[in-house]
Amino acid sequence: MEFGRLMHRVFGFAWLLLCGHSFKGWSQTDVVIRWVDEQGQPACQSEGAGHTLHVSAWMDGVTQQAVQGADLVVDETGISAWNGAGSGVYTLEALPWAWTLVVDDAEPRQGDTLTLVWPSRRPLKLRGNPATVLYPDGHPGARLAQFTRELEQAQDTLDLDQLVGLGLVGGGLAQTQSAQLSLRSALDSAASWQVKCIEGFVMHSLWGDLARSQVLEWRMGLGASALDTAFSVWDGAFDPRSWAQKVASPGWCSAWELEHESWWKSLEERRAPWRSWAATGQVDSLCQAMSWTQDEAHLAMWLGQSQSWSRWAEAWWDVRWRDHCEVAEIRRLSDQTHSHLSSAQSWGDMRWMLPNGDLEPAWAGEGSWGLWLITRHGSSAGDRELALLRNWMVNEAGPDVAWGVLSVDGDEQGLYATLKKRANVREQVRWVGRDPGWWDRLDVLGVPQVVVVRPDGQIQTHQAPLPSGGLFSAMRRWQKLEGSRRR
């Protein structure tokens, strides 16, 4: 097992340094954000940065989907006060950059300010490029970052023993046994300082869960059992949190997944038909065989979506989604929220911003099929698709199809460059800009992209074929099906 999977899973890349800030009593938590460039100057002075940080809260630690809930306005000095921030995991965005942080009510207040750094490097994607967070000494985020570095350094010295001892590379019997002895010795000698480190975090807290899962991953990566006795006091302590609180903790979810890694192998050894149980939703059989509660069975199947047997996990949810256990209800809410974000129903009261700053209903022109090409200034592929779409609309589309361009340009200069590409002023151009809320609703994955809206205002698809890739043939099929429904 490669150490660092938790960082990849929880925060999307291995080297993100966690940060958080809190008071006792999460309802009163205030977080001060300092937003700067790499020279320490206010980021709002950087070209294209703007003055707004969009805050989204993670719904759970399994899917790690986030829902936008607030906008923070940063003043000219780069400071914003985030009042009333509750305990949880958050992503702050100023497209194309994103900062992920933890606010944990279990930890006493340490330090006054979190610093988000606006990078000077070129972003790789339109959205979700991870950026650096700096936090004060003594903060649990700083302690976890230091602990993670110590774990990485300790593992670096054991790379060869790990490869040989775990059979990942070939080696003679003597070499293998020697490597296994070295790994066992390393595990034994590391236990004391690792226990001391994790005891510095509040047990059963967001930060504590992350520290524990880091240690569990490190030790299992060197061949230890998930039932490692080195942490029996920590692991054996009663956890008073509800399932909702546990599932909201990415560290807890990752640790549970590690502790139950390959749980199905024991059933296969007993020739138990666990795949059939999963596919047909036989919750009693699975719970009895694994000594699980219904909540644990649901969590195992939810986490199973990332496994090679995901189709059985998905079949389970098709059958058991109405269950009333806590984990099923949490997952149902997560699924419904995510679906709502990218559905036409969530757009009904939204408005497009026109180039002059006025607003109009997003679905002005209802009654016709709507084709929206998402692009930005500087996209040569977007220019090519725009030319093909315009030609088709003029020569073949017919009167029951309308179209427009959705600009994801980060500033007005880019927007007006996009506006200049109109063949005439009747061509619709709307500005989506850097608002992650709209990006979520549009399910923007890149540019160019085509969103198709049916005459009733419902979304046919957020990811239609591009004009060069079969859009027009697909439109004919959808129009034909729509005509059949009306008859």
Protein backbone atom coordinates (compact mmCIF):
# COMPACT_ATOMS: atom_id res chain seq x y z
CA MET A 1 0.00 0.00 0.00
CA GLU A 2 1.46 3.34 -1.02
CA PHE A 3 1.50 5.79 1.87
CA GLY A 4 -0.28 9.02 1.07
CA ARG A 5 -3.56 7.54 -0.18
CA LEU A 6 -5.45 9.46 2.49
CA MET A 7 -4.16 12.78 1.21
CA HIS A 8 -5.14 11.79 -2.33
CA ARG A 9 -8.56 10.59 -1.26
CA VAL A 10 -9.47 13.31 1.19
CA PHE A 11 -7.99 16.36 -0.47
CA GLY A 12 -7.39 15.34 -4.05
CA PHE A 13 -3.59 15.54 -4.07
CA ALA A 14 -0.77 14.31 -1.88
CA TRP A 15 0.93 17.49 -0.73
CA LEU A 16 -1.92 19.69 0.41
CA LEU A 17 -1.25 21.03 3.91
CA LEU A 18 -4.43 21.05 5.93
CA CYS A 19 -5.59 24.09 7.76
CA GLY A 20 -8.41 24.96 10.13
CA HIS A 21 -9.32 27.36 12.87
CA SER A 22 -11.96 27.24 15.58
CA PHE A 23 -13.38 28.15 18.94
CA LYS A 24 -14.95 25.93 21.56
CA GLY A 25 -18.58 25.90 20.55
CA TRP A 26 -18.76 25.76 16.77
CA SER A 27 -21.79 28.00 16.46
CA GLN A 28 -19.58 30.93 17.54
CA THR A 29 -16.61 30.09 15.35
CA ASP A 30 -15.04 32.99 13.48
CA VAL A 31 -12.31 32.45 10.90
CA VAL A 32 -10.17 35.30 9.63
CA ILE A 33 -8.99 34.77 6.08
CA ARG A 34 -5.93 36.56 4.74
CA TRP A 35 -5.75 36.23 0.95
CA VAL A 36 -2.37 37.10 -0.56
CA ASP A 37 -0.15 36.44 -3.53
CA GLU A 38 3.24 34.75 -3.26
CA GLN A 39 4.88 38.09 -2.41
CA GLY A 40 2.48 38.65 0.47
CA GLN A 41 0.48 41.38 -1.28
CA PRO A 42 -3.35 41.28 -1.27
CA ALA A 43 -4.48 38.75 -3.88
CA CYS A 44 -7.30 41.05 -4.99
CA GLN A 45 -4.59 43.18 -6.63
CA SER A 46 -3.63 40.21 -8.84
CA GLU A 47 -5.01 40.16 -12.34
CA GLY A 48 -8.18 38.09 -12.53
CA ALA A 49 -8.40 37.32 -8.80
CA GLY A 50 -11.42 39.43 -7.98
CA HIS A 51 -12.64 40.15 -4.44
CA THR A 52 -14.78 37.08 -3.70
CA LEU A 53 -14.06 33.70 -2.15
CA HIS A 54 -16.83 31.15 -2.70
CA VAL A 55 -17.28 28.74 0.22
CA SER A 56 -18.67 25.24 -0.24
CA ALA A 57 -19.14 22.67 2.54
CA TRP A 58 -18.42 18.97 2.10
CA MET A 59 -21.60 16.94 2.51
CA ASP A 60 -19.86 13.74 3.58
CA GLY A 61 -16.47 12.09 3.79
CA VAL A 62 -17.30 9.33 1.31
CA THR A 63 -18.16 11.11 -1.94
CA GLN A 64 -16.56 14.38 -0.74
CA GLN A 65 -19.03 16.40 -2.77
CA ALA A 66 -19.32 20.04 -1.72
CA VAL A 67 -22.28 22.38 -1.78
CA GLN A 68 -21.75 26.10 -2.11
CA GLY A 69 -23.15 27.92 0.87
CA ALA A 70 -21.58 31.36 1.21
CA ASP A 71 -19.52 34.07 -0.45
CA LEU A 72 -16.78 35.91 1.41
CA VAL A 73 -15.92 39.41 0.25
CA VAL A 74 -12.27 40.31 0.70
CA ASP A 75 -11.34 43.93 1.38
CA GLU A 76 -8.54 45.88 -0.28
CA THR A 77 -6.03 44.64 2.34
CA GLY A 78 -6.80 41.00 1.50
CA ILE A 79 -8.74 40.32 4.72
CA SER A 80 -12.15 38.69 5.16
CA ALA A 81 -13.91 37.71 8.38
CA TRP A 82 -15.86 34.46 8.06
CA ASN A 83 -18.29 34.71 10.95
CA GLY A 84 -20.22 31.73 12.27
CA ALA A 85 -18.27 29.04 10.42
CA GLY A 86 -19.43 25.65 11.67
CA SER A 87 -17.37 22.55 12.23
CA GLY A 88 -16.66 20.75 8.97
CA VAL A 89 -14.53 20.46 5.85
CA TYR A 90 -14.69 23.31 3.36
CA THR A 91 -13.42 24.26 -0.08
CA LEU A 92 -12.84 27.93 -0.77
CA GLU A 93 -12.69 28.85 -4.45
CA ALA A 94 -11.63 31.78 -6.54
CA LEU A 95 -11.55 30.13 -9.95
CA PRO A 96 -9.36 28.59 -11.13
CA TRP A 97 -7.83 28.05 -7.64
CA ALA A 98 -9.17 26.11 -4.64
CA TRP A 99 -8.14 25.87 -0.98
CA THR A 100 -9.41 23.06 1.28
CA LEU A 101 -9.54 23.51 5.03
CA VAL A 102 -10.95 22.00 8.22
CA VAL A 103 -12.82 23.88 10.93
CA ASP A 104 -12.95 21.71 14.05
CA ASP A 105 -14.96 22.72 17.09
CA ALA A 106 -13.21 20.10 19.24
CA GLU A 107 -9.91 22.00 19.26
CA PRO A 108 -9.27 25.12 21.36
CA ARG A 109 -8.67 28.34 19.45
CA GLN A 110 -5.09 28.70 18.25
CA GLY A 111 -3.92 31.59 16.13
CA ASP A 112 -6.05 34.28 14.57
CA THR A 113 -5.57 34.09 10.82
CA LEU A 114 -5.43 31.56 8.00
CA THR A 115 -3.53 32.64 4.91
CA LEU A 116 -4.59 31.54 1.43
CA VAL A 117 -1.90 32.00 -1.22
CA TRP A 118 -2.82 32.93 -4.81
CA PRO A 119 -0.22 31.09 -6.97
CA SER A 120 1.79 32.68 -9.74
CA ARG A 121 2.10 29.41 -11.68
CA ARG A 122 -0.17 28.66 -14.62
CA PRO A 123 -3.22 26.59 -13.62
CA LEU A 124 -3.61 23.18 -15.23
CA LYS A 125 -7.43 23.17 -15.24
CA LEU A 126 -10.31 25.60 -15.43
CA ARG A 127 -11.30 24.71 -11.87
CA GLY A 128 -10.06 22.84 -8.82
CA ASN A 129 -6.35 23.66 -9.02
CA PRO A 130 -5.09 23.19 -5.45
CA ALA A 131 -3.38 26.14 -3.82
CA THR A 132 -1.41 26.58 -0.60
CA VAL A 133 -2.80 27.40 2.84
CA LEU A 134 -0.58 28.74 5.60
CA TYR A 135 -1.57 28.48 9.25
CA PRO A 136 -0.12 29.49 12.62
CA ASP A 137 2.34 27.44 14.66
CA GLY A 138 0.69 25.16 17.17
CA HIS A 139 -2.50 24.83 15.16
CA PRO A 140 -3.69 21.21 14.73
CA GLY A 141 -3.27 21.64 10.98
CA ALA A 142 0.37 22.57 11.48
CA ARG A 143 0.89 19.63 13.82
CA LEU A 144 -0.72 17.21 11.39
CA ALA A 145 1.40 18.53 8.51
CA GLN A 146 4.57 18.02 10.58
CA PHE A 147 3.41 14.55 11.61
CA THR A 148 2.74 13.64 7.97
CA ARG A 149 6.25 14.74 6.98
CA GLU A 150 7.73 12.58 9.75
CA LEU A 151 5.75 9.56 8.56
CA GLU A 152 6.93 10.12 4.99
CA GLN A 153 10.55 10.44 6.06
CA ALA A 154 10.31 7.29 8.15
CA GLN A 155 8.84 5.37 5.24
CA ASP A 156 11.48 6.64 2.80
CA THR A 157 14.13 4.73 4.77
CA LEU A 158 12.06 1.54 4.46
CA ASP A 159 11.20 1.59 0.76
CA LEU A 160 13.38 -1.38 -0.22
CA ASP A 161 12.36 -3.47 2.81
CA GLN A 162 8.72 -2.72 2.02
CA LEU A 163 9.05 -3.84 -1.60
CA VAL A 164 10.87 -7.07 -0.70
CA GLY A 165 9.10 -7.89 2.55
CA LEU A 166 5.62 -7.52 1.07
CA GLY A 167 6.54 -9.46 -2.06
CA LEU A 168 6.15 -6.49 -4.36
CA VAL A 169 9.50 -7.30 -5.99
CA GLY A 170 11.33 -10.59 -6.25
CA GLY A 171 13.85 -11.65 -3.64
CA GLY A 172 15.31 -14.81 -2.13
CA LEU A 173 13.89 -16.39 1.00
CA ALA A 174 16.67 -14.97 3.18
CA GLN A 175 16.18 -11.48 1.74
CA THR A 176 12.42 -11.64 2.25
CA GLN A 177 12.72 -12.81 5.85
CA SER A 178 15.32 -10.14 6.61
CA ALA A 179 13.10 -7.43 5.11
CA GLN A 180 10.09 -8.65 7.09
CA LEU A 181 12.12 -8.52 10.30
CA SER A 182 13.17 -4.96 9.47
CA LEU A 183 9.55 -3.93 8.86
CA ARG A 184 8.43 -5.52 12.13
CA SER A 185 11.22 -3.79 14.00
CA ALA A 186 10.31 -0.46 12.39
CA LEU A 187 6.65 -0.89 13.35
CA ASP A 188 7.55 -1.71 16.95
CA SER A 189 9.99 1.18 17.32
CA ALA A 190 7.64 3.68 15.66
CA ALA A 191 4.65 2.82 17.81
CA SER A 192 5.64 4.91 20.81
CA TRP A 193 6.25 8.20 19.00
CA GLN A 194 3.23 7.67 16.78
CA VAL A 195 0.99 7.12 19.80
CA LYS A 196 2.44 10.23 21.42
CA CYS A 197 1.77 12.27 18.29
CA ILE A 198 -1.85 11.25 17.82
CA GLU A 199 -2.55 11.73 21.52
CA GLY A 200 -1.82 15.41 20.86
CA PHE A 201 -5.10 15.59 18.92
CA VAL A 202 -8.57 15.56 20.45
CA MET A 203 -9.98 12.05 20.22
CA HIS A 204 -12.99 11.59 17.94
CA SER A 205 -12.54 14.97 16.26
CA LEU A 206 -11.99 15.89 12.61
CA TRP A 207 -8.27 16.45 13.19
CA GLY A 208 -7.97 13.39 15.42
CA ASP A 209 -9.61 11.21 12.78
CA LEU A 210 -7.18 12.47 10.13
CA ALA A 211 -4.16 11.78 12.36
CA ARG A 212 -5.38 8.30 13.24
CA SER A 213 -6.10 7.35 9.63
CA GLN A 214 -2.65 8.60 8.59
CA VAL A 215 -1.03 6.33 11.17
CA LEU A 216 -3.26 3.39 10.25
CA GLU A 217 -2.41 3.79 6.56
CA TRP A 218 1.31 4.06 7.33
CA ARG A 219 1.37 0.95 9.50
CA MET A 220 -0.79 -1.16 7.18
CA GLY A 221 1.47 -0.09 4.31
CA LEU A 222 4.33 -1.80 6.14
CA GLY A 223 2.37 -4.99 6.68
CA ALA A 224 0.65 -4.39 10.03
CA SER A 225 -2.86 -5.67 10.62
CA ALA A 226 -5.79 -3.29 10.81
CA LEU A 227 -6.19 -4.62 14.37
CA ASP A 228 -2.78 -3.25 15.34
CA THR A 229 -2.59 -3.38 19.14
CA ALA A 230 -0.27 -0.36 19.35
CA PHE A 231 -3.31 1.93 19.41
CA SER A 232 -5.72 -0.19 21.43
CA VAL A 233 -6.41 2.58 23.95
CA TRP A 234 -7.23 5.09 21.21
CA ASP A 235 -9.21 2.64 19.08
CA GLY A 236 -11.05 1.07 21.98
CA ALA A 237 -12.42 4.34 23.35
CA PHE A 238 -16.15 4.84 22.96
CA ASP A 239 -17.03 7.21 20.14
CA PRO A 240 -20.11 9.22 21.19
CA ARG A 241 -20.71 10.74 17.77
CA SER A 242 -23.72 10.00 15.63
CA TRP A 243 -23.41 8.35 12.24
CA ALA A 244 -23.99 11.75 10.64
CA GLN A 245 -21.01 13.20 12.53
CA LYS A 246 -18.80 10.22 11.70
CA VAL A 247 -19.66 10.15 8.00
CA ALA A 248 -18.98 13.91 7.83
CA SER A 249 -15.37 13.22 8.86
CA PRO A 250 -13.09 12.27 5.93
CA GLY A 251 -10.50 10.83 8.31
CA TRP A 252 -13.05 8.61 10.00
CA CYS A 253 -14.37 7.32 6.65
CA SER A 254 -10.84 6.59 5.41
CA ALA A 255 -9.93 4.78 8.63
CA TRP A 256 -13.12 2.68 8.50
CA GLU A 257 -12.34 1.75 4.90
CA LEU A 258 -8.78 0.75 5.84
CA GLU A 259 -9.94 -1.31 8.81
CA HIS A 260 -12.39 -3.18 6.60
CA GLU A 261 -10.14 -3.40 3.55
CA SER A 262 -10.97 -6.45 1.42
CA TRP A 263 -13.69 -7.54 3.87
CA TRP A 264 -15.20 -9.70 1.15
CA LYS A 265 -12.20 -12.02 1.00
CA SER A 266 -13.23 -13.78 4.20
CA LEU A 267 -16.66 -14.42 2.67
CA GLU A 268 -15.13 -15.76 -0.53
CA GLU A 269 -12.99 -18.16 1.50
CA ARG A 270 -16.23 -19.46 3.04
CA ARG A 271 -17.83 -19.55 -0.43
CA ALA A 272 -20.50 -17.12 0.67
CA PRO A 273 -22.36 -15.52 -2.30
CA TRP A 274 -21.70 -11.95 -1.17
CA ARG A 275 -21.98 -10.51 -4.68
CA SER A 276 -25.45 -11.95 -5.00
CA TRP A 277 -26.37 -10.57 -1.58
CA ALA A 278 -25.16 -7.13 -2.63
CA ALA A 279 -26.81 -7.14 -6.05
CA THR A 280 -30.19 -8.21 -4.63
CA GLY A 281 -29.99 -6.15 -1.44
CA GLN A 282 -30.00 -9.06 1.02
CA VAL A 283 -29.04 -6.90 3.98
CA ASP A 284 -29.81 -9.53 6.64
CA SER A 285 -27.52 -12.11 5.03
CA LEU A 286 -24.66 -9.63 4.72
CA CYS A 287 -25.08 -8.28 8.24
CA GLN A 288 -25.19 -11.75 9.76
CA ALA A 289 -22.13 -12.95 7.84
CA MET A 290 -20.04 -9.87 8.76
CA SER A 291 -21.54 -9.17 12.21
CA TRP A 292 -22.47 -5.71 10.95
CA THR A 293 -25.32 -3.38 11.69
CA GLN A 294 -27.46 -2.18 8.81
CA ASP A 295 -25.60 1.16 8.92
CA GLU A 296 -22.23 -0.60 8.54
CA ALA A 297 -23.51 -2.65 5.60
CA HIS A 298 -24.70 0.52 3.88
CA LEU A 299 -21.38 2.25 4.52
CA ALA A 300 -19.45 -0.70 3.08
CA MET A 301 -21.57 -0.57 -0.08
CA TRP A 302 -21.26 3.19 -0.34
CA LEU A 303 -17.47 2.98 -0.11
CA GLY A 304 -17.63 0.07 -2.56
CA GLN A 305 -18.43 2.49 -5.36
CA SER A 306 -14.69 3.12 -5.66
CA GLN A 307 -13.83 -0.60 -5.75
CA SER A 308 -13.46 -3.00 -8.67
CA TRP A 309 -16.81 -4.54 -7.69
CA SER A 310 -18.60 -1.18 -7.89
CA ARG A 311 -21.40 -2.54 -10.09
CA TRP A 312 -22.61 -4.73 -7.22
CA ALA A 313 -22.39 -1.77 -4.84
CA GLU A 314 -24.47 0.31 -7.24
CA ALA A 315 -26.98 -2.51 -7.62
CA TRP A 316 -27.29 -2.62 -3.83
CA TRP A 317 -28.26 1.06 -3.75
CA ASP A 318 -30.82 0.57 -6.52
CA VAL A 319 -32.57 -1.95 -4.26
CA ARG A 320 -31.94 -0.53 -0.77
CA TRP A 321 -32.12 3.25 -1.29
CA ARG A 322 -35.40 3.49 0.64
CA ASP A 323 -33.89 2.04 3.84
CA HIS A 324 -34.36 4.18 6.95
CA CYS A 325 -31.06 3.57 8.72
CA GLU A 326 -28.92 6.66 9.34
CA VAL A 327 -26.25 5.97 6.71
CA ALA A 328 -28.86 5.32 4.00
CA GLU A 329 -30.58 8.59 4.87
CA ILE A 330 -27.27 10.49 4.74
CA ARG A 331 -26.44 8.99 1.36
CA ARG A 332 -29.92 9.70 0.05
CA LEU A 333 -29.61 13.36 1.04
CA SER A 334 -26.15 13.54 -0.55
CA ASP A 335 -27.40 12.03 -3.81
CA GLN A 336 -30.50 14.24 -3.93
CA THR A 337 -28.49 17.39 -3.21
CA HIS A 338 -25.96 16.59 -5.93
CA SER A 339 -28.74 15.80 -8.39
CA HIS A 340 -30.52 19.04 -7.52
CA LEU A 341 -27.39 21.07 -8.19
CA SER A 342 -27.23 19.91 -11.79
CA SER A 343 -30.96 19.86 -12.51
CA ALA A 344 -33.15 22.42 -14.22
CA GLN A 345 -35.27 22.67 -11.06
CA SER A 346 -32.42 24.36 -9.21
CA TRP A 347 -32.14 27.01 -11.92
CA GLY A 348 -35.71 28.20 -11.99
CA ASP A 349 -35.11 31.32 -9.93
CA MET A 350 -31.65 32.04 -11.36
CA ARG A 351 -30.78 34.88 -13.68
CA TRP A 352 -28.25 35.38 -16.43
CA MET A 353 -26.10 38.49 -16.24
CA LEU A 354 -26.18 40.47 -19.46
CA PRO A 355 -23.10 42.35 -20.71
CA ASN A 356 -24.55 45.65 -19.43
CA GLY A 357 -25.01 44.22 -15.94
CA ASP A 358 -28.77 43.68 -16.22
CA LEU A 359 -30.33 40.34 -15.29
CA GLU A 360 -32.85 38.26 -17.16
CA PRO A 361 -34.45 34.85 -16.48
CA ALA A 362 -32.08 32.01 -17.27
CA TRP A 363 -34.62 30.25 -19.46
CA ALA A 364 -35.86 33.22 -21.46
CA GLY A 365 -37.08 31.83 -24.78
CA GLU A 366 -38.90 28.80 -23.34
CA GLY A 367 -40.79 26.69 -25.85
CA SER A 368 -37.76 26.05 -28.03
CA TRP A 369 -34.86 23.68 -27.69
CA GLY A 370 -31.88 25.54 -26.31
CA LEU A 371 -28.25 24.86 -27.17
CA TRP A 372 -25.71 26.60 -24.95
CA LEU A 373 -22.05 26.46 -25.94
CA ILE A 374 -19.77 26.97 -22.92
CA THR A 375 -16.50 28.57 -23.93
CA ARG A 376 -14.08 31.38 -23.14
CA HIS A 377 -11.82 33.82 -24.93
CA GLY A 378 -8.59 32.17 -26.06
CA SER A 379 -10.07 28.71 -26.62
CA SER A 380 -9.28 27.78 -30.22
CA ALA A 381 -11.40 24.64 -29.88
CA GLY A 382 -14.28 26.81 -28.64
CA ASP A 383 -13.93 29.09 -31.67
CA ARG A 384 -14.10 26.11 -34.04
CA GLU A 385 -17.19 24.68 -32.34
CA LEU A 386 -18.85 28.10 -32.32
CA ALA A 387 -18.37 28.43 -36.08
CA LEU A 388 -19.90 24.98 -36.70
CA LEU A 389 -22.83 25.66 -34.38
CA ARG A 390 -23.55 29.04 -35.96
CA ASN A 391 -23.49 27.56 -39.48
CA TRP A 392 -25.89 24.77 -38.48
CA MET A 393 -28.28 27.18 -36.79
CA VAL A 394 -28.39 29.45 -39.83
CA ASN A 395 -28.76 26.74 -42.47
CA GLU A 396 -30.36 23.63 -40.93
CA ALA A 397 -31.67 23.93 -37.38
CA GLY A 398 -35.16 25.22 -37.99
CA PRO A 399 -37.27 27.70 -35.99
CA ASP A 400 -37.79 25.49 -32.90
CA VAL A 401 -34.12 25.65 -31.80
CA ALA A 402 -32.44 28.57 -30.06
CA TRP A 403 -28.82 28.88 -29.13
CA GLY A 404 -26.35 30.97 -27.21
CA VAL A 405 -22.88 31.18 -25.75
CA LEU A 406 -22.12 30.92 -22.04
CA SER A 407 -18.89 32.75 -21.28
CA VAL A 408 -16.72 31.43 -18.45
CA ASP A 409 -14.21 34.23 -18.95
CA GLY A 410 -12.78 35.31 -15.63
CA ASP A 411 -13.07 39.05 -16.22
CA GLU A 412 -14.94 41.58 -18.31
CA GLN A 413 -12.04 41.92 -20.74
CA GLY A 414 -12.40 38.25 -21.66
CA LEU A 415 -16.17 38.58 -21.81
CA TYR A 416 -16.07 41.49 -24.22
CA ALA A 417 -13.56 39.63 -26.39
CA THR A 418 -16.10 36.79 -26.54
CA LEU A 419 -18.88 39.26 -27.34
CA LYS A 420 -16.91 40.58 -30.32
CA LYS A 421 -17.09 37.11 -31.89
CA ARG A 422 -20.85 37.45 -32.38
CA ALA A 423 -21.95 37.52 -36.02
CA ASN A 424 -24.73 39.96 -35.02
CA VAL A 425 -26.12 41.48 -31.85
CA ARG A 426 -29.03 38.99 -31.76
CA GLU A 427 -26.69 36.14 -30.85
CA GLN A 428 -27.10 35.48 -27.13
CA VAL A 429 -24.04 35.69 -24.90
CA ARG A 430 -24.39 35.19 -21.16
CA TRP A 431 -21.68 35.57 -18.54
CA VAL A 432 -21.18 32.67 -16.12
CA GLY A 433 -17.82 34.01 -15.02
CA ARG A 434 -16.10 32.57 -11.94
CA ASP A 435 -19.20 31.72 -9.91
CA PRO A 436 -18.73 28.08 -8.77
CA GLY A 437 -22.46 27.86 -8.09
CA TRP A 438 -23.16 28.23 -11.79
CA TRP A 439 -20.31 25.88 -12.65
CA ASP A 440 -21.95 23.27 -10.43
CA ARG A 441 -25.36 23.77 -12.01
CA LEU A 442 -23.88 23.61 -15.49
CA ASP A 443 -21.61 20.70 -14.50
CA VAL A 444 -18.76 22.47 -16.27
CA LEU A 445 -15.91 20.03 -16.86
CA GLY A 446 -14.02 21.99 -19.48
CA VAL A 447 -14.38 24.13 -22.56
CA PRO A 448 -15.86 23.84 -25.03
CA GLN A 449 -18.94 22.07 -23.70
CA VAL A 450 -22.58 21.99 -24.80
CA VAL A 451 -25.64 22.03 -22.52
CA VAL A 452 -28.96 21.12 -24.15
CA VAL A 453 -32.27 22.35 -22.69
CA ARG A 454 -35.61 20.86 -23.70
CA PRO A 455 -38.58 23.09 -24.59
CA ASP A 456 -40.06 22.58 -21.10
CA GLY A 457 -36.89 24.04 -19.52
CA GLN A 458 -35.57 20.69 -18.32
CA ILE A 459 -31.96 19.74 -18.99
CA GLN A 460 -31.56 17.10 -21.67
CA THR A 461 -27.83 16.83 -20.94
CA HIS A 462 -24.98 18.88 -19.56
CA GLN A 463 -22.46 16.96 -21.66
CA ALA A 464 -23.89 16.86 -25.18
CA PRO A 465 -21.66 15.89 -28.11
CA LEU A 466 -19.81 18.87 -29.54
CA PRO A 467 -20.92 20.20 -32.93
CA SER A 468 -17.90 18.45 -34.45
CA GLY A 469 -18.71 15.24 -32.59
CA GLY A 470 -22.33 14.48 -33.46
CA LEU A 471 -24.42 17.16 -31.73
CA PHE A 472 -26.69 17.73 -34.70
CA SER A 473 -27.52 14.05 -35.17
CA ALA A 474 -28.22 13.77 -31.44
CA MET A 475 -30.52 16.80 -31.64
CA ARG A 476 -32.57 15.18 -34.38
CA ARG A 477 -33.04 12.06 -32.22
CA TRP A 478 -34.07 14.10 -29.17
CA GLN A 479 -36.49 16.21 -31.19
CA LYS A 480 -38.03 13.10 -32.70
CA LEU A 481 -38.48 11.51 -29.27
CA GLU A 482 -40.00 14.71 -27.92
CA GLY A 483 -42.46 14.80 -30.82
CA SER A 484 -43.45 11.18 -30.13
CA ARG A 485 -44.16 12.00 -26.45
CA ARG A 486 -46.44 14.89 -27.40
CA ARG A 487 -48.49 12.68 -29.69
